[in-house]
Amino acid sequence: MKKFKVTITETLSRNIEVQALSQSDAIKIVKDNYQKSDIVLDESDLKATDIDITNSLSKKEDLINSIIEYLYEDEKKHFYESNMTEDHIFLKLKELKKLIC
């Protein structure tokens, strides 16, 4: 099985009406209120949700994963048949599989 990185992005937005002398003052007022948590966006402000693959495994990781999957069962069998020696390659494959797969 392969690993993929998937990103979930939620977009929350709300229109806030404020009285101010200028646009920049209006933005400052809303920013200040937002930073003080006087304005808190919640699920009712949800406008969009995107779910996308952000970064599948690199080519190198994909190749390593393929090699592990190809060798794993045969090396596991050989490991048990060879009295489970501490320097058997299966132990390295097993450790690598935990990291990659």
PDB file of N, CA and C in Angstrom:
ATOM      1  N   MET A   1       0.842  -1.177   0.000  1.00  0.00           N
ATOM      2  CA  MET A   1       0.000   0.000   0.000  1.00  0.00           C
ATOM      3  C   MET A   1       0.886   1.238   0.000  1.00  0.00           C
ATOM      4  N   LYS A   2       0.449   2.266  -0.681  1.00  0.00           N
ATOM      5  CA  LYS A   2       1.219   3.504  -0.791  1.00  0.00           C
ATOM      6  C   LYS A   2       0.695   4.547   0.183  1.00  0.00           C
ATOM      7  N   LYS A   3       1.565   5.499   0.523  1.00  0.00           N
ATOM      8  CA  LYS A   3       1.176   6.626   1.370  1.00  0.00           C
ATOM      9  C   LYS A   3       1.038   7.871   0.507  1.00  0.00           C
ATOM     10  N   PHE A   4       0.077   8.678   0.838  1.00  0.00           N
ATOM     11  CA  PHE A   4      -0.132   9.945   0.155  1.00  0.00           C
ATOM     12  C   PHE A   4      -0.377  11.022   1.196  1.00  0.00           C
ATOM     13  N   LYS A   5       0.055  12.223   0.893  1.00  0.00           N
ATOM     14  CA  LYS A   5      -0.250  13.365   1.739  1.00  0.00           C
ATOM     15  C   LYS A   5      -1.450  14.070   1.115  1.00  0.00           C
ATOM     16  N   VAL A   6      -2.475  14.236   1.912  1.00  0.00           N
ATOM     17  CA  VAL A   6      -3.704  14.876   1.456  1.00  0.00           C
ATOM     18  C   VAL A   6      -3.960  16.085   2.344  1.00  0.00           C
ATOM     19  N   THR A   7      -4.249  17.201   1.725  1.00  0.00           N
ATOM     20  CA  THR A   7      -4.513  18.422   2.473  1.00  0.00           C
ATOM     21  C   THR A   7      -6.000  18.756   2.427  1.00  0.00           C
ATOM     22  N   ILE A   8      -6.533  19.055   3.592  1.00  0.00           N
ATOM     23  CA  ILE A   8      -7.914  19.541   3.691  1.00  0.00           C
ATOM     24  C   ILE A   8      -7.821  21.032   3.986  1.00  0.00           C
ATOM     25  N   THR A   9      -8.452  21.826   3.130  1.00  0.00           N
ATOM     26  CA  THR A   9      -8.455  23.276   3.319  1.00  0.00           C
ATOM     27  C   THR A   9      -9.893  23.740   3.463  1.00  0.00           C
ATOM     28  N   GLU A  10     -10.163  24.387   4.572  1.00  0.00           N
ATOM     29  CA  GLU A  10     -11.482  24.964   4.779  1.00  0.00           C
ATOM     30  C   GLU A  10     -11.368  26.476   4.661  1.00  0.00           C
ATOM     31  N   THR A  11     -12.330  27.051   3.974  1.00  0.00           N
ATOM     32  CA  THR A  11     -12.362  28.500   3.840  1.00  0.00           C
ATOM     33  C   THR A  11     -13.554  29.030   4.638  1.00  0.00           C
ATOM     34  N   LEU A  12     -13.228  29.840   5.630  1.00  0.00           N
ATOM     35  CA  LEU A  12     -14.255  30.493   6.434  1.00  0.00           C
ATOM     36  C   LEU A  12     -14.258  31.974   6.094  1.00  0.00           C
ATOM     37  N   SER A  13     -15.429  32.556   5.991  1.00  0.00           N
ATOM     38  CA  SER A  13     -15.483  34.003   5.764  1.00  0.00           C
ATOM     39  C   SER A  13     -16.798  34.564   6.280  1.00  0.00           C
ATOM     40  N   ARG A  14     -16.728  35.827   6.650  1.00  0.00           N
ATOM     41  CA  ARG A  14     -17.909  36.530   7.143  1.00  0.00           C
ATOM     42  C   ARG A  14     -17.761  38.000   6.776  1.00  0.00           C
ATOM     43  N   ASN A  15     -18.826  38.601   6.353  1.00  0.00           N
ATOM     44  CA  ASN A  15     -18.833  40.040   6.095  1.00  0.00           C
ATOM     45  C   ASN A  15     -19.165  40.756   7.395  1.00  0.00           C
ATOM     46  N   ILE A  16     -18.340  41.741   7.743  1.00  0.00           N
ATOM     47  CA  ILE A  16     -18.522  42.514   8.967  1.00  0.00           C
ATOM     48  C   ILE A  16     -18.730  43.972   8.564  1.00  0.00           C
ATOM     49  N   GLU A  17     -19.773  44.572   9.084  1.00  0.00           N
ATOM     50  CA  GLU A  17     -19.996  45.993   8.830  1.00  0.00           C
ATOM     51  C   GLU A  17     -19.474  46.796  10.015  1.00  0.00           C
ATOM     52  N   VAL A  18     -18.650  47.813   9.703  1.00  0.00           N
ATOM     53  CA  VAL A  18     -18.130  48.698  10.750  1.00  0.00           C
ATOM     54  C   VAL A  18     -18.205  50.138  10.257  1.00  0.00           C
ATOM     55  N   GLN A  19     -18.296  51.040  11.184  1.00  0.00           N
ATOM     56  CA  GLN A  19     -18.215  52.451  10.835  1.00  0.00           C
ATOM     57  C   GLN A  19     -16.788  52.903  11.085  1.00  0.00           C
ATOM     58  N   ALA A  20     -16.210  53.568  10.084  1.00  0.00           N
ATOM     59  CA  ALA A  20     -14.825  54.036  10.194  1.00  0.00           C
ATOM     60  C   ALA A  20     -14.642  55.245   9.304  1.00  0.00           C
ATOM     61  N   LEU A  21     -13.541  55.958   9.511  1.00  0.00           N
ATOM     62  CA  LEU A  21     -13.238  57.142   8.710  1.00  0.00           C
ATOM     63  C   LEU A  21     -12.698  56.788   7.329  1.00  0.00           C
ATOM     64  N   SER A  22     -12.076  55.585   7.208  1.00  0.00           N
ATOM     65  CA  SER A  22     -11.491  55.184   5.927  1.00  0.00           C
ATOM     66  C   SER A  22     -11.483  53.659   5.838  1.00  0.00           C
ATOM     67  N   GLN A  23     -11.164  53.163   4.645  1.00  0.00           N
ATOM     68  CA  GLN A  23     -11.069  51.714   4.453  1.00  0.00           C
ATOM     69  C   GLN A  23      -9.976  51.116   5.344  1.00  0.00           C
ATOM     70  N   SER A  24      -8.844  51.797   5.425  1.00  0.00           N
ATOM     71  CA  SER A  24      -7.756  51.267   6.248  1.00  0.00           C
ATOM     72  C   SER A  24      -8.146  51.251   7.723  1.00  0.00           C
ATOM     73  N   ASP A  25      -8.880  52.247   8.177  1.00  0.00           N
ATOM     74  CA  ASP A  25      -9.376  52.247   9.555  1.00  0.00           C
ATOM     75  C   ASP A  25     -10.360  51.092   9.774  1.00  0.00           C
ATOM     76  N   ALA A  26     -11.219  50.864   8.804  1.00  0.00           N
ATOM     77  CA  ALA A  26     -12.192  49.762   8.902  1.00  0.00           C
ATOM     78  C   ALA A  26     -11.463  48.424   9.032  1.00  0.00           C
ATOM     79  N   ILE A  27     -10.437  48.235   8.221  1.00  0.00           N
ATOM     80  CA  ILE A  27      -9.652  46.991   8.296  1.00  0.00           C
ATOM     81  C   ILE A  27      -8.982  46.876   9.657  1.00  0.00           C
ATOM     82  N   LYS A  28      -8.425  47.986  10.146  1.00  0.00           N
ATOM     83  CA  LYS A  28      -7.750  47.969  11.453  1.00  0.00           C
ATOM     84  C   LYS A  28      -8.733  47.613  12.565  1.00  0.00           C
ATOM     85  N   ILE A  29      -9.913  48.171  12.528  1.00  0.00           N
ATOM     86  CA  ILE A  29     -10.922  47.888  13.548  1.00  0.00           C
ATOM     87  C   ILE A  29     -11.277  46.401  13.547  1.00  0.00           C
ATOM     88  N   VAL A  30     -11.518  45.863  12.371  1.00  0.00           N
ATOM     89  CA  VAL A  30     -11.891  44.441  12.269  1.00  0.00           C
ATOM     90  C   VAL A  30     -10.718  43.548  12.684  1.00  0.00           C
ATOM     91  N   LYS A  31      -9.491  43.901  12.247  1.00  0.00           N
ATOM     92  CA  LYS A  31      -8.315  43.114  12.653  1.00  0.00           C
ATOM     93  C   LYS A  31      -8.156  43.107  14.167  1.00  0.00           C
ATOM     94  N   ASP A  32      -8.283  44.264  14.772  1.00  0.00           N
ATOM     95  CA  ASP A  32      -8.157  44.371  16.226  1.00  0.00           C
ATOM     96  C   ASP A  32      -9.216  43.513  16.933  1.00  0.00           C
ATOM     97  N   ASN A  33     -10.449  43.616  16.462  1.00  0.00           N
ATOM     98  CA  ASN A  33     -11.533  42.826  17.067  1.00  0.00           C
ATOM     99  C   ASN A  33     -11.315  41.322  16.858  1.00  0.00           C
ATOM    100  N   TYR A  34     -10.788  40.960  15.712  1.00  0.00           N
ATOM    101  CA  TYR A  34     -10.513  39.548  15.418  1.00  0.00           C
ATOM    102  C   TYR A  34      -9.382  39.035  16.316  1.00  0.00           C
ATOM    103  N   GLN A  35      -8.334  39.823  16.456  1.00  0.00           N
ATOM    104  CA  GLN A  35      -7.201  39.414  17.289  1.00  0.00           C
ATOM    105  C   GLN A  35      -7.575  39.317  18.768  1.00  0.00           C
ATOM    106  N   LYS A  36      -8.507  40.127  19.203  1.00  0.00           N
ATOM    107  CA  LYS A  36      -8.981  40.077  20.587  1.00  0.00           C
ATOM    108  C   LYS A  36     -10.051  38.994  20.784  1.00  0.00           C
ATOM    109  N   SER A  37     -10.369  38.270  19.710  1.00  0.00           N
ATOM    110  CA  SER A  37     -11.398  37.215  19.703  1.00  0.00           C
ATOM    111  C   SER A  37     -12.795  37.762  19.947  1.00  0.00           C
ATOM    112  N   ASP A  38     -12.985  39.044  19.629  1.00  0.00           N
ATOM    113  CA  ASP A  38     -14.333  39.595  19.659  1.00  0.00           C
ATOM    114  C   ASP A  38     -15.108  39.087  18.438  1.00  0.00           C
ATOM    115  N   ILE A  39     -14.379  38.742  17.401  1.00  0.00           N
ATOM    116  CA  ILE A  39     -14.955  38.127  16.207  1.00  0.00           C
ATOM    117  C   ILE A  39     -14.321  36.738  16.090  1.00  0.00           C
ATOM    118  N   VAL A  40     -15.158  35.706  16.104  1.00  0.00           N
ATOM    119  CA  VAL A  40     -14.673  34.334  15.981  1.00  0.00           C
ATOM    120  C   VAL A  40     -15.482  33.641  14.893  1.00  0.00           C
ATOM    121  N   LEU A  41     -14.779  33.200  13.871  1.00  0.00           N
ATOM    122  CA  LEU A  41     -15.450  32.473  12.794  1.00  0.00           C
ATOM    123  C   LEU A  41     -15.682  31.034  13.238  1.00  0.00           C
ATOM    124  N   ASP A  42     -16.829  30.482  12.815  1.00  0.00           N
ATOM    125  CA  ASP A  42     -17.144  29.106  13.181  1.00  0.00           C
ATOM    126  C   ASP A  42     -17.732  28.366  11.988  1.00  0.00           C
ATOM    127  N   GLU A  43     -18.298  27.185  12.254  1.00  0.00           N
ATOM    128  CA  GLU A  43     -18.796  26.345  11.155  1.00  0.00           C
ATOM    129  C   GLU A  43     -19.881  27.020  10.320  1.00  0.00           C
ATOM    130  N   SER A  44     -20.590  27.971  10.885  1.00  0.00           N
ATOM    131  CA  SER A  44     -21.621  28.663  10.100  1.00  0.00           C
ATOM    132  C   SER A  44     -20.994  29.602   9.057  1.00  0.00           C
ATOM    133  N   ASP A  45     -19.690  29.884   9.200  1.00  0.00           N
ATOM    134  CA  ASP A  45     -18.996  30.748   8.257  1.00  0.00           C
ATOM    135  C   ASP A  45     -18.272  29.956   7.165  1.00  0.00           C
ATOM    136  N   LEU A  46     -18.435  28.633   7.172  1.00  0.00           N
ATOM    137  CA  LEU A  46     -17.767  27.785   6.189  1.00  0.00           C
ATOM    138  C   LEU A  46     -18.290  28.080   4.787  1.00  0.00           C
ATOM    139  N   LYS A  47     -17.382  28.418   3.887  1.00  0.00           N
ATOM    140  CA  LYS A  47     -17.763  28.737   2.510  1.00  0.00           C
ATOM    141  C   LYS A  47     -17.305  27.678   1.516  1.00  0.00           C
ATOM    142  N   ALA A  48     -16.195  26.991   1.812  1.00  0.00           N
ATOM    143  CA  ALA A  48     -15.687  25.991   0.881  1.00  0.00           C
ATOM    144  C   ALA A  48     -14.768  25.020   1.600  1.00  0.00           C
ATOM    145  N   THR A  49     -14.723  23.793   1.083  1.00  0.00           N
ATOM    146  CA  THR A  49     -13.792  22.781   1.570  1.00  0.00           C
ATOM    147  C   THR A  49     -13.143  22.140   0.351  1.00  0.00           C
ATOM    148  N   ASP A  50     -11.819  22.117   0.349  1.00  0.00           N
ATOM    149  CA  ASP A  50     -11.071  21.478  -0.728  1.00  0.00           C
ATOM    150  C   ASP A  50     -10.233  20.361  -0.143  1.00  0.00           C
ATOM    151  N   ILE A  51     -10.226  19.215  -0.821  1.00  0.00           N
ATOM    152  CA  ILE A  51      -9.397  18.089  -0.407  1.00  0.00           C
ATOM    153  C   ILE A  51      -8.570  17.689  -1.622  1.00  0.00           C
ATOM    154  N   ASP A  52      -7.242  17.812  -1.482  1.00  0.00           N
ATOM    155  CA  ASP A  52      -6.349  17.577  -2.604  1.00  0.00           C
ATOM    156  C   ASP A  52      -5.110  16.807  -2.177  1.00  0.00           C
ATOM    157  N   ILE A  53      -4.541  16.082  -3.134  1.00  0.00           N
ATOM    158  CA  ILE A  53      -3.229  15.487  -2.945  1.00  0.00           C
ATOM    159  C   ILE A  53      -2.233  16.637  -2.947  1.00  0.00           C
ATOM    160  N   THR A  54      -1.436  16.722  -1.899  1.00  0.00           N
ATOM    161  CA  THR A  54      -0.480  17.824  -1.828  1.00  0.00           C
ATOM    162  C   THR A  54       0.918  17.398  -2.221  1.00  0.00           C
ATOM    163  N   ASN A  55       1.261  16.188  -1.828  1.00  0.00           N
ATOM    164  CA  ASN A  55       2.623  15.766  -2.121  1.00  0.00           C
ATOM    165  C   ASN A  55       2.676  14.255  -2.002  1.00  0.00           C
ATOM    166  N   SER A  56       2.486  13.560  -3.122  1.00  0.00           N
ATOM    167  CA  SER A  56       2.595  12.119  -3.051  1.00  0.00           C
ATOM    168  C   SER A  56       4.048  11.765  -2.785  1.00  0.00           C
ATOM    169  N   LEU A  57       4.290  10.511  -2.490  1.00  0.00           N
ATOM    170  CA  LEU A  57       5.655  10.102  -2.196  1.00  0.00           C
ATOM    171  C   LEU A  57       6.591  10.468  -3.336  1.00  0.00           C
ATOM    172  N   SER A  58       7.785  10.817  -2.979  1.00  0.00           N
ATOM    173  CA  SER A  58       8.782  11.125  -3.992  1.00  0.00           C
ATOM    174  C   SER A  58       9.110   9.870  -4.774  1.00  0.00           C
ATOM    175  N   LYS A  59       9.708  10.042  -5.909  1.00  0.00           N
ATOM    176  CA  LYS A  59      10.095   8.913  -6.746  1.00  0.00           C
ATOM    177  C   LYS A  59      10.993   7.962  -5.952  1.00  0.00           C
ATOM    178  N   LYS A  60      11.919   8.513  -5.182  1.00  0.00           N
ATOM    179  CA  LYS A  60      12.836   7.696  -4.386  1.00  0.00           C
ATOM    180  C   LYS A  60      12.063   6.863  -3.367  1.00  0.00           C
ATOM    181  N   GLU A  61      11.147   7.500  -2.640  1.00  0.00           N
ATOM    182  CA  GLU A  61      10.357   6.773  -1.649  1.00  0.00           C
ATOM    183  C   GLU A  61       9.486   5.712  -2.295  1.00  0.00           C
ATOM    184  N   ASP A  62       8.944   6.024  -3.468  1.00  0.00           N
ATOM    185  CA  ASP A  62       8.112   5.071  -4.188  1.00  0.00           C
ATOM    186  C   ASP A  62       8.931   3.852  -4.619  1.00  0.00           C
ATOM    187  N   LEU A  63      10.157   4.067  -5.087  1.00  0.00           N
ATOM    188  CA  LEU A  63      11.037   2.956  -5.466  1.00  0.00           C
ATOM    189  C   LEU A  63      11.420   2.115  -4.253  1.00  0.00           C
ATOM    190  N   ILE A  64      11.756   2.770  -3.171  1.00  0.00           N
ATOM    191  CA  ILE A  64      12.106   2.041  -1.943  1.00  0.00           C
ATOM    192  C   ILE A  64      10.923   1.198  -1.489  1.00  0.00           C
ATOM    193  N   ASN A  65       9.744   1.777  -1.509  1.00  0.00           N
ATOM    194  CA  ASN A  65       8.536   1.059  -1.115  1.00  0.00           C
ATOM    195  C   ASN A  65       8.318  -0.170  -2.000  1.00  0.00           C
ATOM    196  N   SER A  66       8.514  -0.032  -3.288  1.00  0.00           N
ATOM    197  CA  SER A  66       8.349  -1.159  -4.215  1.00  0.00           C
ATOM    198  C   SER A  66       9.341  -2.272  -3.921  1.00  0.00           C
ATOM    199  N   ILE A  67      10.573  -1.905  -3.643  1.00  0.00           N
ATOM    200  CA  ILE A  67      11.606  -2.901  -3.342  1.00  0.00           C
ATOM    201  C   ILE A  67      11.284  -3.616  -2.032  1.00  0.00           C
ATOM    202  N   ILE A  68      10.873  -2.866  -1.028  1.00  0.00           N
ATOM    203  CA  ILE A  68      10.505  -3.479   0.250  1.00  0.00           C
ATOM    204  C   ILE A  68       9.383  -4.492   0.051  1.00  0.00           C
ATOM    205  N   GLU A  69       8.339  -4.076  -0.651  1.00  0.00           N
ATOM    206  CA  GLU A  69       7.200  -4.964  -0.875  1.00  0.00           C
ATOM    207  C   GLU A  69       7.602  -6.218  -1.649  1.00  0.00           C
ATOM    208  N   TYR A  70       8.504  -6.060  -2.600  1.00  0.00           N
ATOM    209  CA  TYR A  70       8.965  -7.194  -3.409  1.00  0.00           C
ATOM    210  C   TYR A  70       9.761  -8.192  -2.573  1.00  0.00           C
ATOM    211  N   LEU A  71      10.627  -7.716  -1.700  1.00  0.00           N
ATOM    212  CA  LEU A  71      11.545  -8.577  -0.948  1.00  0.00           C
ATOM    213  C   LEU A  71      10.993  -9.075   0.384  1.00  0.00           C
ATOM    214  N   TYR A  72      10.052  -8.376   0.937  1.00  0.00           N
ATOM    215  CA  TYR A  72       9.672  -8.558   2.335  1.00  0.00           C
ATOM    216  C   TYR A  72       9.305 -10.005   2.704  1.00  0.00           C
ATOM    217  N   GLU A  73       8.340 -10.588   2.038  1.00  0.00           N
ATOM    218  CA  GLU A  73       7.869 -11.921   2.411  1.00  0.00           C
ATOM    219  C   GLU A  73       8.939 -12.992   2.228  1.00  0.00           C
ATOM    220  N   ASP A  74       9.692 -12.925   1.135  1.00  0.00           N
ATOM    221  CA  ASP A  74      10.767 -13.907   0.915  1.00  0.00           C
ATOM    222  C   ASP A  74      11.852 -13.787   1.979  1.00  0.00           C
ATOM    223  N   GLU A  75      12.233 -12.569   2.308  1.00  0.00           N
ATOM    224  CA  GLU A  75      13.272 -12.372   3.320  1.00  0.00           C
ATOM    225  C   GLU A  75      12.771 -12.742   4.714  1.00  0.00           C
ATOM    226  N   LYS A  76      11.505 -12.502   4.951  1.00  0.00           N
ATOM    227  CA  LYS A  76      10.912 -12.895   6.228  1.00  0.00           C
ATOM    228  C   LYS A  76      10.983 -14.411   6.393  1.00  0.00           C
ATOM    229  N   LYS A  77      10.600 -15.131   5.353  1.00  0.00           N
ATOM    230  CA  LYS A  77      10.660 -16.594   5.361  1.00  0.00           C
ATOM    231  C   LYS A  77      12.103 -17.059   5.580  1.00  0.00           C
ATOM    232  N   HIS A  78      13.026 -16.483   4.857  1.00  0.00           N
ATOM    233  CA  HIS A  78      14.432 -16.862   4.987  1.00  0.00           C
ATOM    234  C   HIS A  78      14.954 -16.551   6.390  1.00  0.00           C
ATOM    235  N   PHE A  79      14.539 -15.450   6.947  1.00  0.00           N
ATOM    236  CA  PHE A  79      14.943 -15.056   8.302  1.00  0.00           C
ATOM    237  C   PHE A  79      14.575 -16.141   9.309  1.00  0.00           C
ATOM    238  N   TYR A  80      13.336 -16.610   9.254  1.00  0.00           N
ATOM    239  CA  TYR A  80      12.897 -17.639  10.196  1.00  0.00           C
ATOM    240  C   TYR A  80      13.543 -18.987   9.913  1.00  0.00           C
ATOM    241  N   GLU A  81      13.815 -19.259   8.672  1.00  0.00           N
ATOM    242  CA  GLU A  81      14.492 -20.511   8.319  1.00  0.00           C
ATOM    243  C   GLU A  81      15.969 -20.508   8.717  1.00  0.00           C
ATOM    244  N   SER A  82      16.552 -19.335   8.849  1.00  0.00           N
ATOM    245  CA  SER A  82      17.986 -19.238   9.156  1.00  0.00           C
ATOM    246  C   SER A  82      18.248 -18.950  10.638  1.00  0.00           C
ATOM    247  N   ASN A  83      17.342 -19.398  11.481  1.00  0.00           N
ATOM    248  CA  ASN A  83      17.493 -19.251  12.936  1.00  0.00           C
ATOM    249  C   ASN A  83      17.534 -17.797  13.394  1.00  0.00           C
ATOM    250  N   MET A  84      16.927 -16.909  12.651  1.00  0.00           N
ATOM    251  CA  MET A  84      16.718 -15.519  13.043  1.00  0.00           C
ATOM    252  C   MET A  84      18.008 -14.814  13.486  1.00  0.00           C
ATOM    253  N   THR A  85      18.990 -14.849  12.654  1.00  0.00           N
ATOM    254  CA  THR A  85      20.257 -14.202  12.977  1.00  0.00           C
ATOM    255  C   THR A  85      20.078 -12.693  13.076  1.00  0.00           C
ATOM    256  N   GLU A  86      20.840 -12.075  13.957  1.00  0.00           N
ATOM    257  CA  GLU A  86      20.698 -10.645  14.236  1.00  0.00           C
ATOM    258  C   GLU A  86      21.135  -9.743  13.092  1.00  0.00           C
ATOM    259  N   ASP A  87      21.915 -10.279  12.157  1.00  0.00           N
ATOM    260  CA  ASP A  87      22.406  -9.459  11.058  1.00  0.00           C
ATOM    261  C   ASP A  87      21.660  -9.728   9.746  1.00  0.00           C
ATOM    262  N   HIS A  88      20.515 -10.392   9.842  1.00  0.00           N
ATOM    263  CA  HIS A  88      19.753 -10.729   8.636  1.00  0.00           C
ATOM    264  C   HIS A  88      19.132  -9.467   8.030  1.00  0.00           C
ATOM    265  N   ILE A  89      19.124  -9.416   6.702  1.00  0.00           N
ATOM    266  CA  ILE A  89      18.592  -8.244   5.987  1.00  0.00           C
ATOM    267  C   ILE A  89      17.106  -8.024   6.264  1.00  0.00           C
ATOM    268  N   PHE A  90      16.394  -9.068   6.612  1.00  0.00           N
ATOM    269  CA  PHE A  90      14.972  -8.917   6.913  1.00  0.00           C
ATOM    270  C   PHE A  90      14.736  -7.894   8.020  1.00  0.00           C
ATOM    271  N   LEU A  91      15.592  -7.874   9.015  1.00  0.00           N
ATOM    272  CA  LEU A  91      15.428  -6.920  10.112  1.00  0.00           C
ATOM    273  C   LEU A  91      15.546  -5.481   9.618  1.00  0.00           C
ATOM    274  N   LYS A  92      16.420  -5.249   8.663  1.00  0.00           N
ATOM    275  CA  LYS A  92      16.553  -3.903   8.065  1.00  0.00           C
ATOM    276  C   LYS A  92      15.320  -3.572   7.232  1.00  0.00           C
ATOM    277  N   LEU A  93      14.842  -4.569   6.476  1.00  0.00           N
ATOM    278  CA  LEU A  93      13.624  -4.355   5.672  1.00  0.00           C
ATOM    279  C   LEU A  93      12.429  -4.034   6.570  1.00  0.00           C
ATOM    280  N   LYS A  94      12.326  -4.761   7.655  1.00  0.00           N
ATOM    281  CA  LYS A  94      11.219  -4.556   8.590  1.00  0.00           C
ATOM    282  C   LYS A  94      11.256  -3.140   9.174  1.00  0.00           C
ATOM    283  N   GLU A  95      12.426  -2.702   9.572  1.00  0.00           N
ATOM    284  CA  GLU A  95      12.595  -1.359  10.117  1.00  0.00           C
ATOM    285  C   GLU A  95      12.296  -0.283   9.057  1.00  0.00           C
ATOM    286  N   LEU A  96      12.801  -0.505   7.859  1.00  0.00           N
ATOM    287  CA  LEU A  96      12.556   0.430   6.773  1.00  0.00           C
ATOM    288  C   LEU A  96      11.079   0.489   6.400  1.00  0.00           C
ATOM    289  N   LYS A  97      10.432  -0.647   6.416  1.00  0.00           N
ATOM    290  CA  LYS A  97       8.992  -0.697   6.100  1.00  0.00           C
ATOM    291  C   LYS A  97       8.194   0.140   7.089  1.00  0.00           C
ATOM    292  N   LYS A  98       8.575   0.092   8.371  1.00  0.00           N
ATOM    293  CA  LYS A  98       7.887   0.907   9.375  1.00  0.00           C
ATOM    294  C   LYS A  98       8.060   2.402   9.083  1.00  0.00           C
ATOM    295  N   LEU A  99       9.228   2.769   8.582  1.00  0.00           N
ATOM    296  CA  LEU A  99       9.494   4.171   8.305  1.00  0.00           C
ATOM    297  C   LEU A  99       8.839   4.669   7.015  1.00  0.00           C
ATOM    298  N   ILE A 100       8.807   3.824   6.009  1.00  0.00           N
ATOM    299  CA  ILE A 100       8.360   4.238   4.677  1.00  0.00           C
ATOM    300  C   ILE A 100       6.906   3.918   4.411  1.00  0.00           C
ATOM    301  N   CYS A 101       6.485   2.727   4.772  1.00  0.00           N
ATOM    302  CA  CYS A 101       5.155   2.235   4.369  1.00  0.00           C
ATOM    303  C   CYS A 101       4.065   2.669   5.319  1.00  0.00           C
TER     304      CYS A 101
END
